[in-house]
Amino acid sequence: MSAQLVKLATTPDLVDRVYRSLLDAISDGSLAPGQRITQEDVAEQLAVSRQPVLQALRLLKKDGFIQDAPGRGVQVAPLDVRWMSKVYEVRGALDALAARLAAERHQRIDPALIARGRKLAQGKNVQAMLDADLAFHQAIYDAADNPLIGSMADQHWRHLRRVMGAVLQTSQRDTVWDEHEAIAKAIAAGQGRRAAELIEQHSTKASHALAIRLNQVLTLTSGDKS
């Protein structure tokens, strides 16, 4: 495993932190599909014992991010475009509900989130771009005042961050923050139906664009290996 991971201090939630560190590396492409992962290497790079690494790897396997490797050990699971489109369908429905509820309460999404997202979109820090996108949607979940929406969306976002990360390494959808701004304005204006429609369209466009670009990425990757 060639990815360089940041050492972690020992804390009660160490398993979760190891999980998050590995998931971030998988999402931003530091750990590529098919790449082998060893307990020893992860433990050494994160400066932790093998036990929390083992538990984190088990969770990542259960969640579908890693799988058994040929022979022995584990490796990063391949990206599945068709399955990702199904995840987008679910997230779109949750986002539409959140946007409508937030609009009913005339909630204001912090403009700084959008300004930061626009700025990061001009750079190359994939992890920061993913964090900014999630922060915007999380703000809508919080504004909806229904904690079930955010908790249900979280499991889907873990997978979406990965497919978004794979695409952002080679290209990006320039209109995403214009769409975010329009959604925020509709919510602030109390336009529940429009906010829900805009965010569903946003999710659908993202799903289609990412599917096309991800297929291109996977084709290029396959070509490099042949």
C-alpha atoms as a PDB file:
ATOM      1  CA  MET A   1       0.000   0.000   0.000  1.00  0.00           C
ATOM      2  CA  SER A   2       1.669   3.248  -1.159  1.00  0.00           C
ATOM      3  CA  ALA A   3      -0.759   5.826   0.300  1.00  0.00           C
ATOM      4  CA  GLN A   4       0.730   8.004   3.041  1.00  0.00           C
ATOM      5  CA  LEU A   5      -1.587   8.183   6.049  1.00  0.00           C
ATOM      6  CA  VAL A   6      -1.354  10.614   8.968  1.00  0.00           C
ATOM      7  CA  LYS A   7      -0.489   9.149  12.376  1.00  0.00           C
ATOM      8  CA  LEU A   8      -3.321   9.123  14.904  1.00  0.00           C
ATOM      9  CA  ALA A   9      -3.213   9.569  18.665  1.00  0.00           C
ATOM     10  CA  THR A  10      -4.759   6.833  20.811  1.00  0.00           C
ATOM     11  CA  THR A  11      -8.334   7.749  21.783  1.00  0.00           C
ATOM     12  CA  PRO A  12     -11.491   5.832  22.839  1.00  0.00           C
ATOM     13  CA  ASP A  13     -12.913   6.196  19.327  1.00  0.00           C
ATOM     14  CA  LEU A  14      -9.749   4.934  17.660  1.00  0.00           C
ATOM     15  CA  VAL A  15     -11.538   2.299  15.569  1.00  0.00           C
ATOM     16  CA  ASP A  16     -13.795   4.975  14.080  1.00  0.00           C
ATOM     17  CA  ARG A  17     -10.812   7.216  13.387  1.00  0.00           C
ATOM     18  CA  VAL A  18      -8.952   4.408  11.626  1.00  0.00           C
ATOM     19  CA  TYR A  19     -12.134   3.675   9.654  1.00  0.00           C
ATOM     20  CA  ARG A  20     -12.440   7.339   8.650  1.00  0.00           C
ATOM     21  CA  SER A  21      -8.786   7.623   7.721  1.00  0.00           C
ATOM     22  CA  LEU A  22      -8.986   4.608   5.426  1.00  0.00           C
ATOM     23  CA  LEU A  23     -12.333   5.736   3.995  1.00  0.00           C
ATOM     24  CA  ASP A  24     -10.900   9.174   3.202  1.00  0.00           C
ATOM     25  CA  ALA A  25      -7.968   7.517   1.418  1.00  0.00           C
ATOM     26  CA  ILE A  26     -10.374   5.335  -0.566  1.00  0.00           C
ATOM     27  CA  SER A  27     -12.587   8.334  -1.396  1.00  0.00           C
ATOM     28  CA  ASP A  28      -9.831  10.632  -2.649  1.00  0.00           C
ATOM     29  CA  GLY A  29      -8.135   7.852  -4.610  1.00  0.00           C
ATOM     30  CA  SER A  30      -5.040   7.492  -2.432  1.00  0.00           C
ATOM     31  CA  LEU A  31      -6.166   3.892  -2.100  1.00  0.00           C
ATOM     32  CA  ALA A  32      -7.293   2.850  -5.575  1.00  0.00           C
ATOM     33  CA  PRO A  33      -9.776   0.106  -6.528  1.00  0.00           C
ATOM     34  CA  GLY A  34      -8.050  -3.263  -6.391  1.00  0.00           C
ATOM     35  CA  GLN A  35      -5.212  -2.045  -4.176  1.00  0.00           C
ATOM     36  CA  ARG A  36      -4.266  -4.456  -1.395  1.00  0.00           C
ATOM     37  CA  ILE A  37      -4.437  -3.326   2.224  1.00  0.00           C
ATOM     38  CA  THR A  38      -2.535  -4.982   5.040  1.00  0.00           C
ATOM     39  CA  GLN A  39      -3.133  -4.613   8.767  1.00  0.00           C
ATOM     40  CA  GLU A  40       0.573  -4.258   9.395  1.00  0.00           C
ATOM     41  CA  ASP A  41       1.058  -1.409   6.910  1.00  0.00           C
ATOM     42  CA  VAL A  42      -1.970   0.541   8.135  1.00  0.00           C
ATOM     43  CA  ALA A  43      -1.020   0.057  11.784  1.00  0.00           C
ATOM     44  CA  GLU A  44       2.523   1.251  11.082  1.00  0.00           C
ATOM     45  CA  GLN A  45       1.471   4.337   9.115  1.00  0.00           C
ATOM     46  CA  LEU A  46      -1.176   5.383  11.634  1.00  0.00           C
ATOM     47  CA  ALA A  47       1.010   4.489  14.618  1.00  0.00           C
ATOM     48  CA  VAL A  48      -1.661   2.299  16.212  1.00  0.00           C
ATOM     49  CA  SER A  49      -1.916  -1.358  17.193  1.00  0.00           C
ATOM     50  CA  ARG A  50      -3.297  -3.953  14.793  1.00  0.00           C
ATOM     51  CA  GLN A  51      -6.501  -4.496  16.813  1.00  0.00           C
ATOM     52  CA  PRO A  52      -8.296  -1.224  15.895  1.00  0.00           C
ATOM     53  CA  VAL A  53      -7.100  -1.677  12.311  1.00  0.00           C
ATOM     54  CA  LEU A  54      -8.605  -5.163  12.174  1.00  0.00           C
ATOM     55  CA  GLN A  55     -11.928  -3.886  13.520  1.00  0.00           C
ATOM     56  CA  ALA A  56     -11.951  -0.946  11.092  1.00  0.00           C
ATOM     57  CA  LEU A  57     -11.226  -3.257   8.151  1.00  0.00           C
ATOM     58  CA  ARG A  58     -14.102  -5.504   9.179  1.00  0.00           C
ATOM     59  CA  LEU A  59     -16.451  -2.486   9.194  1.00  0.00           C
ATOM     60  CA  LEU A  60     -15.172  -1.305   5.817  1.00  0.00           C
ATOM     61  CA  LYS A  61     -15.758  -4.789   4.410  1.00  0.00           C
ATOM     62  CA  LYS A  62     -19.287  -4.897   5.839  1.00  0.00           C
ATOM     63  CA  ASP A  63     -20.018  -1.486   4.308  1.00  0.00           C
ATOM     64  CA  GLY A  64     -18.751  -2.602   0.897  1.00  0.00           C
ATOM     65  CA  PHE A  65     -15.582  -0.522   0.621  1.00  0.00           C
ATOM     66  CA  ILE A  66     -13.135  -3.407   0.740  1.00  0.00           C
ATOM     67  CA  GLN A  67     -13.352  -7.088  -0.172  1.00  0.00           C
ATOM     68  CA  ASP A  68     -11.334 -10.269   0.072  1.00  0.00           C
ATOM     69  CA  ALA A  69      -8.295 -10.224  -2.189  1.00  0.00           C
ATOM     70  CA  PRO A  70      -7.290 -13.192  -4.373  1.00  0.00           C
ATOM     71  CA  GLY A  71      -5.260 -15.578  -2.268  1.00  0.00           C
ATOM     72  CA  ARG A  72      -5.387 -13.842   1.093  1.00  0.00           C
ATOM     73  CA  GLY A  73      -5.860 -10.421   2.629  1.00  0.00           C
ATOM     74  CA  VAL A  74      -8.172  -7.625   1.499  1.00  0.00           C
ATOM     75  CA  GLN A  75      -8.254  -5.029  -1.240  1.00  0.00           C
ATOM     76  CA  VAL A  76     -10.218  -1.908  -2.132  1.00  0.00           C
ATOM     77  CA  ALA A  77     -13.529  -2.879  -3.743  1.00  0.00           C
ATOM     78  CA  PRO A  78     -14.177  -1.884  -7.379  1.00  0.00           C
ATOM     79  CA  LEU A  79     -16.536   0.970  -8.232  1.00  0.00           C
ATOM     80  CA  ASP A  80     -19.990  -0.095  -9.428  1.00  0.00           C
ATOM     81  CA  VAL A  81     -21.610   2.603 -11.607  1.00  0.00           C
ATOM     82  CA  ARG A  82     -25.068   0.983 -11.696  1.00  0.00           C
ATOM     83  CA  TRP A  83     -25.200   0.570  -7.948  1.00  0.00           C
ATOM     84  CA  MET A  84     -24.050   4.164  -7.419  1.00  0.00           C
ATOM     85  CA  SER A  85     -26.972   5.401  -9.523  1.00  0.00           C
ATOM     86  CA  LYS A  86     -29.333   3.603  -7.133  1.00  0.00           C
ATOM     87  CA  VAL A  87     -27.651   5.333  -4.197  1.00  0.00           C
ATOM     88  CA  TYR A  88     -28.219   8.691  -5.890  1.00  0.00           C
ATOM     89  CA  GLU A  89     -31.917   7.915  -6.252  1.00  0.00           C
ATOM     90  CA  VAL A  90     -32.250   7.401  -2.510  1.00  0.00           C
ATOM     91  CA  ARG A  91     -30.161  10.442  -1.641  1.00  0.00           C
ATOM     92  CA  GLY A  92     -32.209  12.575  -4.031  1.00  0.00           C
ATOM     93  CA  ALA A  93     -35.423  11.620  -2.254  1.00  0.00           C
ATOM     94  CA  LEU A  94     -33.933  12.373   1.172  1.00  0.00           C
ATOM     95  CA  ASP A  95     -32.536  15.699  -0.025  1.00  0.00           C
ATOM     96  CA  ALA A  96     -35.887  16.729  -1.500  1.00  0.00           C
ATOM     97  CA  LEU A  97     -37.628  16.029   1.806  1.00  0.00           C
ATOM     98  CA  ALA A  98     -34.979  17.947   3.732  1.00  0.00           C
ATOM     99  CA  ALA A  99     -35.143  20.939   1.373  1.00  0.00           C
ATOM    100  CA  ARG A 100     -38.937  21.104   1.596  1.00  0.00           C
ATOM    101  CA  LEU A 101     -38.925  20.948   5.399  1.00  0.00           C
ATOM    102  CA  ALA A 102     -36.173  23.555   5.614  1.00  0.00           C
ATOM    103  CA  ALA A 103     -38.124  25.847   3.275  1.00  0.00           C
ATOM    104  CA  GLU A 104     -41.240  25.538   5.409  1.00  0.00           C
ATOM    105  CA  ARG A 105     -39.163  27.035   8.217  1.00  0.00           C
ATOM    106  CA  HIS A 106     -37.583  29.689   5.920  1.00  0.00           C
ATOM    107  CA  GLN A 107     -34.125  28.529   6.975  1.00  0.00           C
ATOM    108  CA  ARG A 108     -31.033  30.390   5.770  1.00  0.00           C
ATOM    109  CA  ILE A 109     -28.129  28.316   4.531  1.00  0.00           C
ATOM    110  CA  ASP A 110     -24.886  30.060   5.428  1.00  0.00           C
ATOM    111  CA  PRO A 111     -23.587  31.826   2.265  1.00  0.00           C
ATOM    112  CA  ALA A 112     -20.039  31.174   3.487  1.00  0.00           C
ATOM    113  CA  LEU A 113     -20.531  27.479   2.704  1.00  0.00           C
ATOM    114  CA  ILE A 114     -21.246  28.327  -0.921  1.00  0.00           C
ATOM    115  CA  ALA A 115     -18.404  30.857  -1.173  1.00  0.00           C
ATOM    116  CA  ARG A 116     -15.970  28.309   0.243  1.00  0.00           C
ATOM    117  CA  GLY A 117     -17.239  25.624  -2.124  1.00  0.00           C
ATOM    118  CA  ARG A 118     -16.794  27.879  -5.159  1.00  0.00           C
ATOM    119  CA  LYS A 119     -13.241  28.700  -4.110  1.00  0.00           C
ATOM    120  CA  LEU A 120     -12.278  25.083  -3.497  1.00  0.00           C
ATOM    121  CA  ALA A 121     -13.771  24.040  -6.848  1.00  0.00           C
ATOM    122  CA  GLN A 122     -11.037  26.058  -8.540  1.00  0.00           C
ATOM    123  CA  GLY A 123      -8.303  24.076  -6.814  1.00  0.00           C
ATOM    124  CA  LYS A 124      -7.118  20.479  -6.756  1.00  0.00           C
ATOM    125  CA  ASN A 125      -7.763  19.419  -3.155  1.00  0.00           C
ATOM    126  CA  VAL A 126     -10.242  16.609  -3.764  1.00  0.00           C
ATOM    127  CA  GLN A 127     -10.810  15.889  -0.077  1.00  0.00           C
ATOM    128  CA  ALA A 128     -11.605  19.551   0.629  1.00  0.00           C
ATOM    129  CA  MET A 129     -14.040  19.680  -2.300  1.00  0.00           C
ATOM    130  CA  LEU A 130     -15.826  16.585  -1.014  1.00  0.00           C
ATOM    131  CA  ASP A 131     -16.018  18.051   2.489  1.00  0.00           C
ATOM    132  CA  ALA A 132     -17.462  21.319   1.149  1.00  0.00           C
ATOM    133  CA  ASP A 133     -20.144  19.522  -0.862  1.00  0.00           C
ATOM    134  CA  LEU A 134     -21.145  17.411   2.107  1.00  0.00           C
ATOM    135  CA  ALA A 135     -21.162  20.461   4.404  1.00  0.00           C
ATOM    136  CA  PHE A 136     -23.715  22.185   2.155  1.00  0.00           C
ATOM    137  CA  HIS A 137     -26.057  19.207   2.114  1.00  0.00           C
ATOM    138  CA  GLN A 138     -25.553  18.629   5.839  1.00  0.00           C
ATOM    139  CA  ALA A 139     -26.629  22.230   6.449  1.00  0.00           C
ATOM    140  CA  ILE A 140     -29.910  21.450   4.674  1.00  0.00           C
ATOM    141  CA  TYR A 141     -30.410  18.301   6.754  1.00  0.00           C
ATOM    142  CA  ASP A 142     -29.836  20.343   9.920  1.00  0.00           C
ATOM    143  CA  ALA A 143     -32.198  23.062   8.716  1.00  0.00           C
ATOM    144  CA  ALA A 144     -34.935  20.464   8.141  1.00  0.00           C
ATOM    145  CA  ASP A 145     -34.985  19.832  11.903  1.00  0.00           C
ATOM    146  CA  ASN A 146     -35.411  16.075  11.414  1.00  0.00           C
ATOM    147  CA  PRO A 147     -32.350  14.143  12.610  1.00  0.00           C
ATOM    148  CA  LEU A 148     -33.518  10.960  10.885  1.00  0.00           C
ATOM    149  CA  ILE A 149     -32.803  12.479   7.477  1.00  0.00           C
ATOM    150  CA  GLY A 150     -29.159  13.190   8.225  1.00  0.00           C
ATOM    151  CA  SER A 151     -28.525   9.827   9.852  1.00  0.00           C
ATOM    152  CA  MET A 152     -30.098   7.967   6.919  1.00  0.00           C
ATOM    153  CA  ALA A 153     -28.241  10.067   4.352  1.00  0.00           C
ATOM    154  CA  ASP A 154     -24.884   9.512   6.047  1.00  0.00           C
ATOM    155  CA  GLN A 155     -24.557   5.880   4.988  1.00  0.00           C
ATOM    156  CA  HIS A 156     -25.234   6.848   1.362  1.00  0.00           C
ATOM    157  CA  TRP A 157     -22.816   9.788   1.437  1.00  0.00           C
ATOM    158  CA  ARG A 158     -19.984   7.479   2.417  1.00  0.00           C
ATOM    159  CA  HIS A 159     -20.323   5.761  -0.952  1.00  0.00           C
ATOM    160  CA  LEU A 160     -21.074   8.944  -2.894  1.00  0.00           C
ATOM    161  CA  ARG A 161     -17.927  10.610  -1.583  1.00  0.00           C
ATOM    162  CA  ARG A 162     -15.984   7.768  -3.131  1.00  0.00           C
ATOM    163  CA  VAL A 163     -17.491   8.010  -6.600  1.00  0.00           C
ATOM    164  CA  MET A 164     -17.329  11.824  -6.487  1.00  0.00           C
ATOM    165  CA  GLY A 165     -13.699  11.599  -5.473  1.00  0.00           C
ATOM    166  CA  ALA A 166     -12.877   9.294  -8.375  1.00  0.00           C
ATOM    167  CA  VAL A 167     -14.366  11.765 -10.840  1.00  0.00           C
ATOM    168  CA  LEU A 168     -12.995  14.946  -9.243  1.00  0.00           C
ATOM    169  CA  GLN A 169      -9.481  13.606  -9.727  1.00  0.00           C
ATOM    170  CA  THR A 170      -9.883  14.132 -13.477  1.00  0.00           C
ATOM    171  CA  SER A 171     -12.750  16.619 -13.922  1.00  0.00           C
ATOM    172  CA  GLN A 172     -15.504  18.507 -12.146  1.00  0.00           C
ATOM    173  CA  ARG A 173     -19.031  19.772 -12.811  1.00  0.00           C
ATOM    174  CA  ASP A 174     -18.587  23.562 -12.885  1.00  0.00           C
ATOM    175  CA  THR A 175     -22.270  24.404 -12.308  1.00  0.00           C
ATOM    176  CA  VAL A 176     -22.624  22.533  -9.008  1.00  0.00           C
ATOM    177  CA  TRP A 177     -22.272  25.595  -6.780  1.00  0.00           C
ATOM    178  CA  ASP A 178     -24.662  27.642  -8.955  1.00  0.00           C
ATOM    179  CA  GLU A 179     -27.195  24.885  -8.315  1.00  0.00           C
ATOM    180  CA  HIS A 180     -26.408  24.910  -4.597  1.00  0.00           C
ATOM    181  CA  GLU A 181     -26.958  28.674  -4.469  1.00  0.00           C
ATOM    182  CA  ALA A 182     -30.332  28.400  -6.238  1.00  0.00           C
ATOM    183  CA  ILE A 183     -31.440  25.705  -3.790  1.00  0.00           C
ATOM    184  CA  ALA A 184     -30.396  27.846  -0.808  1.00  0.00           C
ATOM    185  CA  LYS A 185     -32.323  30.844  -2.158  1.00  0.00           C
ATOM    186  CA  ALA A 186     -35.485  28.792  -2.637  1.00  0.00           C
ATOM    187  CA  ILE A 187     -35.227  27.462   0.915  1.00  0.00           C
ATOM    188  CA  ALA A 188     -34.737  30.943   2.381  1.00  0.00           C
ATOM    189  CA  ALA A 189     -37.734  32.213   0.390  1.00  0.00           C
ATOM    190  CA  GLY A 190     -39.942  29.470   1.783  1.00  0.00           C
ATOM    191  CA  GLN A 191     -40.482  27.926  -1.646  1.00  0.00           C
ATOM    192  CA  GLY A 192     -40.731  24.318  -0.536  1.00  0.00           C
ATOM    193  CA  ARG A 193     -41.866  22.790  -3.817  1.00  0.00           C
ATOM    194  CA  ARG A 194     -39.272  24.661  -5.847  1.00  0.00           C
ATOM    195  CA  ALA A 195     -36.497  23.814  -3.385  1.00  0.00           C
ATOM    196  CA  ALA A 196     -37.419  20.123  -3.539  1.00  0.00           C
ATOM    197  CA  GLU A 197     -37.569  20.176  -7.345  1.00  0.00           C
ATOM    198  CA  LEU A 198     -34.233  21.962  -7.643  1.00  0.00           C
ATOM    199  CA  ILE A 199     -32.422  19.587  -5.324  1.00  0.00           C
ATOM    200  CA  GLU A 200     -33.909  16.518  -7.038  1.00  0.00           C
ATOM    201  CA  GLN A 201     -32.788  17.894 -10.400  1.00  0.00           C
ATOM    202  CA  HIS A 202     -29.388  18.585  -8.868  1.00  0.00           C
ATOM    203  CA  SER A 203     -29.103  14.982  -7.694  1.00  0.00           C
ATOM    204  CA  THR A 204     -30.275  13.576 -11.037  1.00  0.00           C
ATOM    205  CA  LYS A 205     -27.824  15.717 -13.012  1.00  0.00           C
ATOM    206  CA  ALA A 206     -25.008  14.761 -10.670  1.00  0.00           C
ATOM    207  CA  SER A 207     -25.867  11.072 -11.011  1.00  0.00           C
ATOM    208  CA  HIS A 208     -25.904  11.196 -14.810  1.00  0.00           C
ATOM    209  CA  ALA A 209     -22.734  13.306 -15.075  1.00  0.00           C
ATOM    210  CA  LEU A 210     -20.821  11.185 -12.611  1.00  0.00           C
ATOM    211  CA  ALA A 211     -21.924   7.959 -14.278  1.00  0.00           C
ATOM    212  CA  ILE A 212     -20.610   9.180 -17.639  1.00  0.00           C
ATOM    213  CA  ARG A 213     -17.335  10.454 -16.225  1.00  0.00           C
ATOM    214  CA  LEU A 214     -16.823   7.484 -13.953  1.00  0.00           C
ATOM    215  CA  ASN A 215     -17.251   5.124 -16.895  1.00  0.00           C
ATOM    216  CA  GLN A 216     -14.594   7.152 -18.688  1.00  0.00           C
ATOM    217  CA  VAL A 217     -12.284   6.933 -15.669  1.00  0.00           C
ATOM    218  CA  LEU A 218     -12.807   3.187 -15.365  1.00  0.00           C
ATOM    219  CA  THR A 219     -12.172   2.743 -19.106  1.00  0.00           C
ATOM    220  CA  LEU A 220      -8.936   4.704 -18.883  1.00  0.00           C
ATOM    221  CA  THR A 221      -7.872   2.752 -15.817  1.00  0.00           C
ATOM    222  CA  SER A 222      -8.632  -0.527 -17.543  1.00  0.00           C
ATOM    223  CA  GLY A 223      -6.665   0.617 -20.576  1.00  0.00           C
ATOM    224  CA  ASP A 224      -3.651   1.485 -18.428  1.00  0.00           C
ATOM    225  CA  LYS A 225      -3.636  -2.024 -16.947  1.00  0.00           C
ATOM    226  CA  SER A 226      -3.882  -3.794 -20.306  1.00  0.00           C
END
